[in-house]
Protein backbone atom coordinates (compact mmCIF):
# COMPACT_ATOMS: atom_id res chain seq x y z
CA MET A 1 84.42 100.68 25.67
CA GLU A 2 86.07 97.57 24.13
CA GLN A 3 84.00 94.31 24.24
CA ARG A 4 85.50 90.89 23.97
CA ARG A 5 83.78 87.58 23.47
CA THR A 6 85.90 85.80 26.08
CA ARG A 7 87.46 86.87 29.27
CA ARG A 8 91.11 87.63 29.47
CA PHE A 9 93.37 86.68 32.38
CA ASN A 10 96.40 88.71 33.14
CA LEU A 11 99.06 86.00 33.93
CA GLN A 12 102.70 86.14 33.55
CA LEU A 13 103.83 82.59 32.84
CA GLN A 14 106.99 81.40 31.09
CA LEU A 15 106.46 80.37 27.50
CA SER A 16 108.64 78.95 24.82
CA ILE A 17 107.89 78.89 21.10
CA THR A 18 108.86 75.43 19.60
CA ARG A 19 107.80 75.89 15.94
CA SER A 20 107.33 78.90 13.89
CA GLY A 21 105.79 78.09 10.38
CA ALA A 22 107.44 75.00 9.25
CA GLU A 23 110.66 75.66 11.13
CA ARG A 24 111.59 74.29 14.52
CA VAL A 25 112.87 77.10 16.94
CA ALA A 26 113.68 77.68 20.52
CA LEU A 27 112.49 81.11 21.62
CA LEU A 28 111.72 82.14 25.21
CA GLY A 29 108.99 84.37 26.20
CA LEU A 30 106.64 85.56 28.87
CA THR A 31 102.73 85.67 28.67
CA LYS A 32 100.92 88.94 29.41
CA ASN A 33 97.49 87.72 29.09
CA ILE A 34 95.54 84.54 28.22
CA SER A 35 91.95 83.77 27.04
CA SER A 36 90.26 80.56 25.75
CA ASN A 37 90.80 81.81 22.20
CA GLY A 38 94.54 83.14 22.38
CA VAL A 39 97.44 84.50 24.22
CA LEU A 40 99.35 87.82 24.17
CA PHE A 41 103.06 87.45 24.94
CA THR A 42 106.54 88.84 24.55
CA ALA A 43 109.34 86.78 23.06
CA GLU A 44 112.97 87.39 21.76
CA GLY A 45 112.22 86.64 18.23
CA GLU A 46 109.46 87.53 15.76
CA PRO A 47 107.47 84.83 14.12
CA ASP A 48 105.84 85.00 10.76
CA LEU A 49 102.67 87.09 10.73
CA GLY A 50 99.72 84.80 9.86
CA GLY A 51 101.84 81.64 10.04
CA PRO A 52 101.18 78.64 12.29
CA ILE A 53 103.00 78.56 15.68
CA GLU A 54 103.46 75.98 18.45
CA TYR A 55 104.04 77.27 21.82
CA VAL A 56 104.51 75.70 25.36
CA ILE A 57 103.29 77.51 28.42
CA ALA A 58 104.76 76.44 31.77
CA LEU A 59 102.07 76.13 34.40
CA ASN A 60 103.22 75.66 38.10
CA PRO A 61 106.97 75.43 37.22
CA GLU A 62 108.14 75.68 40.92
CA GLY A 63 105.53 73.00 41.99
CA PRO A 64 106.12 69.36 42.85
CA GLN A 65 105.08 68.46 39.34
CA THR A 66 105.49 70.79 36.32
CA VAL A 67 102.57 70.78 33.90
CA ASN A 68 103.00 72.31 30.43
CA LEU A 69 100.22 73.50 28.07
CA ARG A 70 101.36 72.69 24.50
CA CYS A 71 99.34 75.04 22.17
CA ILE A 72 98.95 75.15 18.33
CA GLY A 73 97.61 78.43 16.84
CA LYS A 74 98.35 81.22 14.27
CA VAL A 75 100.19 84.42 14.69
CA LEU A 76 97.82 87.38 14.57
CA ARG A 77 99.95 90.34 15.38
CA THR A 78 103.60 91.25 15.99
CA GLU A 79 105.09 94.46 17.15
CA PRO A 80 108.62 95.44 18.34
CA VAL A 81 108.84 96.03 22.13
CA ASP A 82 110.80 99.22 23.27
CA CYS A 83 113.75 97.87 25.30
CA SER A 84 115.39 101.07 26.37
CA GLY A 85 119.19 100.48 27.03
CA ASN A 86 119.02 96.89 25.80
CA ASP A 87 120.41 95.87 22.58
CA ASP A 88 118.30 92.69 22.44
CA LEU A 89 114.96 93.24 20.49
CA SER A 90 111.79 91.67 21.83
CA TYR A 91 108.38 91.43 20.21
CA GLN A 92 104.76 91.45 21.56
CA ILE A 93 102.97 88.73 19.80
CA ALA A 94 99.26 87.86 19.68
CA ALA A 95 98.52 84.27 18.66
CA THR A 96 95.40 82.17 18.51
CA LEU A 97 94.86 79.18 20.67
CA GLU A 98 93.22 76.63 18.38
CA ARG A 99 94.26 73.26 19.83
CA TYR A 100 96.06 72.50 23.15
CA GLU A 101 97.06 69.58 25.26
CA PHE A 102 98.54 69.24 28.81
CA VAL A 103 101.83 67.67 29.16
CA ARG A 104 103.44 66.53 32.45
CA ASP A 105 107.10 66.59 33.16
CA ARG A 106 107.87 62.92 33.91
CA ALA A 107 111.44 63.70 35.15
CA LYS A 108 110.40 65.92 37.89
CA ALA A 109 107.39 63.87 38.77
CA ALA A 110 109.61 60.94 39.47
CA VAL A 111 111.74 62.62 42.13
């Protein structure tokens, strides 16, 4: 039986990678599970293994005020995801969650 130090929550939330290593990127993804130490998600691009990563998780995107969780971490694992019948290649990525901050969407809040 696998034992983990922290509880994982199976959540499918929109995610965007904004920085991979030193490079600014714009890759979309979807979380699979989240813990206080990290996140497992799928994305359309493969970040550098072991490198730093910055990603933003959208919390309550359909609500009256969008709140995003901006995270900084390190890429622990990447593996291709089988997309049968689809030419686009996706990756499953495990990344640490070392620092984070909540960022509110001011434009939506003013409506």
